[in-house]
C-alpha atoms as a PDB file:
ATOM      1  CA  MET A   1      -0.810 -39.915 -44.727  1.00  0.00           C
ATOM      2  CA  ARG A   2       0.433 -39.167 -41.224  1.00  0.00           C
ATOM      3  CA  THR A   3      -0.678 -36.336 -39.147  1.00  0.00           C
ATOM      4  CA  ILE A   4       1.749 -34.500 -36.846  1.00  0.00           C
ATOM      5  CA  ASN A   5       0.711 -32.005 -34.155  1.00  0.00           C
ATOM      6  CA  ILE A   6       2.033 -28.339 -34.639  1.00  0.00           C
ATOM      7  CA  HIS A   7       4.399 -28.554 -31.662  1.00  0.00           C
ATOM      8  CA  GLU A   8       6.159 -31.717 -33.106  1.00  0.00           C
ATOM      9  CA  ALA A   9       6.192 -29.897 -36.476  1.00  0.00           C
ATOM     10  CA  LYS A  10       7.991 -26.951 -34.933  1.00  0.00           C
ATOM     11  CA  THR A  11      10.445 -29.138 -32.995  1.00  0.00           C
ATOM     12  CA  HIS A  12      11.423 -31.256 -36.087  1.00  0.00           C
ATOM     13  CA  LEU A  13      10.779 -28.849 -39.090  1.00  0.00           C
ATOM     14  CA  SER A  14      14.004 -29.415 -40.861  1.00  0.00           C
ATOM     15  CA  ARG A  15      13.651 -33.224 -40.734  1.00  0.00           C
ATOM     16  CA  LEU A  16       9.979 -33.120 -41.744  1.00  0.00           C
ATOM     17  CA  VAL A  17      10.730 -30.751 -44.595  1.00  0.00           C
ATOM     18  CA  ASP A  18      13.580 -33.283 -45.839  1.00  0.00           C
ATOM     19  CA  GLU A  19      11.031 -36.048 -45.722  1.00  0.00           C
ATOM     20  CA  ALA A  20       8.526 -34.100 -47.609  1.00  0.00           C
ATOM     21  CA  GLU A  21      10.941 -33.392 -50.314  1.00  0.00           C
ATOM     22  CA  LYS A  22      11.517 -37.086 -50.714  1.00  0.00           C
ATOM     23  CA  GLY A  23       7.843 -37.524 -51.392  1.00  0.00           C
ATOM     24  CA  ASP A  24       6.666 -38.309 -47.853  1.00  0.00           C
ATOM     25  CA  SER A  25       3.936 -35.592 -47.353  1.00  0.00           C
ATOM     26  CA  PHE A  26       2.157 -35.098 -44.115  1.00  0.00           C
ATOM     27  CA  ILE A  27      -0.668 -33.044 -42.336  1.00  0.00           C
ATOM     28  CA  ILE A  28      -0.073 -30.559 -39.442  1.00  0.00           C
ATOM     29  CA  ALA A  29      -2.846 -30.492 -37.006  1.00  0.00           C
ATOM     30  CA  LYS A  30      -3.556 -28.082 -34.170  1.00  0.00           C
ATOM     31  CA  ALA A  31      -5.698 -29.515 -31.240  1.00  0.00           C
ATOM     32  CA  GLY A  32      -6.295 -32.597 -33.252  1.00  0.00           C
ATOM     33  CA  LYS A  33      -7.840 -30.647 -36.210  1.00  0.00           C
ATOM     34  CA  PRO A  34      -6.055 -30.796 -39.523  1.00  0.00           C
ATOM     35  CA  LYS A  35      -4.801 -27.323 -40.554  1.00  0.00           C
ATOM     36  CA  VAL A  36      -2.429 -27.716 -43.504  1.00  0.00           C
ATOM     37  CA  GLN A  37      -0.999 -30.352 -45.764  1.00  0.00           C
ATOM     38  CA  VAL A  38       2.781 -30.281 -46.588  1.00  0.00           C
ATOM     39  CA  ILE A  39       3.799 -31.694 -49.920  1.00  0.00           C
ATOM     40  CA  ARG A  40       6.891 -31.660 -52.124  1.00  0.00           C
ATOM     41  CA  LEU A  41       6.992 -29.010 -54.890  1.00  0.00           C
ATOM     42  CA  ASP A  42       7.788 -30.199 -58.387  1.00  0.00           C
ATOM     43  CA  THR A  43       9.915 -27.268 -59.457  1.00  0.00           C
ATOM     44  CA  PRO A  44      12.367 -27.424 -62.538  1.00  0.00           C
ATOM     45  CA  LYS A  45      16.046 -27.801 -61.373  1.00  0.00           C
ATOM     46  CA  VAL A  46      17.197 -25.489 -64.244  1.00  0.00           C
ATOM     47  CA  PRO A  47      15.918 -22.000 -64.503  1.00  0.00           C
ATOM     48  CA  ALA A  48      14.233 -21.164 -67.748  1.00  0.00           C
ATOM     49  CA  LYS A  49      16.578 -19.397 -70.231  1.00  0.00           C
ATOM     50  CA  ARG A  50      15.800 -15.627 -70.935  1.00  0.00           C
ATOM     51  CA  ARG A  51      15.106 -15.114 -74.612  1.00  0.00           C
ATOM     52  CA  LEU A  52      16.781 -11.785 -75.410  1.00  0.00           C
ATOM     53  CA  GLY A  53      15.729 -10.259 -78.629  1.00  0.00           C
ATOM     54  CA  PHE A  54      12.673 -12.279 -79.141  1.00  0.00           C
ATOM     55  CA  MET A  55      10.569  -9.355 -80.237  1.00  0.00           C
ATOM     56  CA  LYS A  56      13.149  -7.912 -82.652  1.00  0.00           C
ATOM     57  CA  GLY A  57      11.532  -6.581 -85.809  1.00  0.00           C
ATOM     58  CA  MET A  58       7.996  -6.564 -84.217  1.00  0.00           C
ATOM     59  CA  TYR A  59       8.060  -2.839 -83.540  1.00  0.00           C
ATOM     60  CA  THR A  60      10.052   0.288 -84.530  1.00  0.00           C
ATOM     61  CA  ILE A  61      11.150   3.390 -82.612  1.00  0.00           C
ATOM     62  CA  PRO A  62      10.599   6.621 -84.651  1.00  0.00           C
ATOM     63  CA  ASP A  63      13.801   8.686 -85.610  1.00  0.00           C
ATOM     64  CA  ASP A  64      12.190  11.594 -83.666  1.00  0.00           C
ATOM     65  CA  PHE A  65      11.664   9.731 -80.517  1.00  0.00           C
ATOM     66  CA  ASP A  66      13.404  12.365 -78.348  1.00  0.00           C
ATOM     67  CA  GLU A  67      11.554  15.282 -79.930  1.00  0.00           C
ATOM     68  CA  ILE A  68       8.246  13.617 -79.179  1.00  0.00           C
ATOM     69  CA  ASP A  69       9.280  13.171 -75.460  1.00  0.00           C
ATOM     70  CA  LYS A  70      10.243  16.946 -75.349  1.00  0.00           C
ATOM     71  CA  LYS A  71       6.766  17.937 -76.974  1.00  0.00           C
ATOM     72  CA  LEU A  72       4.987  15.795 -74.401  1.00  0.00           C
ATOM     73  CA  ASP A  73       7.055  17.248 -71.513  1.00  0.00           C
ATOM     74  CA  LYS A  74       5.927  20.835 -72.684  1.00  0.00           C
ATOM     75  CA  GLU A  75       2.318  19.758 -72.865  1.00  0.00           C
ATOM     76  CA  ILE A  76       2.444  18.241 -69.293  1.00  0.00           C
ATOM     77  CA  GLU A  77       4.073  21.285 -68.060  1.00  0.00           C
ATOM     78  CA  LYS A  78       1.426  23.582 -69.588  1.00  0.00           C
ATOM     79  CA  LEU A  79      -1.275  21.264 -67.921  1.00  0.00           C
ATOM     80  CA  MET A  80       0.337  21.473 -64.604  1.00  0.00           C
ATOM     81  CA  LEU A  81       0.758  25.219 -64.636  1.00  0.00           C
ATOM     82  CA  GLY A  82      -2.736  25.708 -65.994  1.00  0.00           C
ATOM     83  CA  GLU A  83      -1.717  27.324 -69.119  1.00  0.00           C
ATOM     84  CA  LYS A  84      -3.514  26.942 -72.451  1.00  0.00           C
END
């Protein structure tokens, strides 16, 4: 694996990234000391499909959902105002 100094890497970054994408990984060094290794990422070309409705039937929302929310709001208001 070849080693490239940081100045050269900055100068030729676009070309080096293209080469790394093709599988030619390399190491970037600073003052002769290896700092990082640049390698190609193997990412899927097609994004994963979102599965809408995959939890259908696994839970239910109660009919009085809005009323529960109003009761909770009143309880929170009492707590905030210091009422009992």
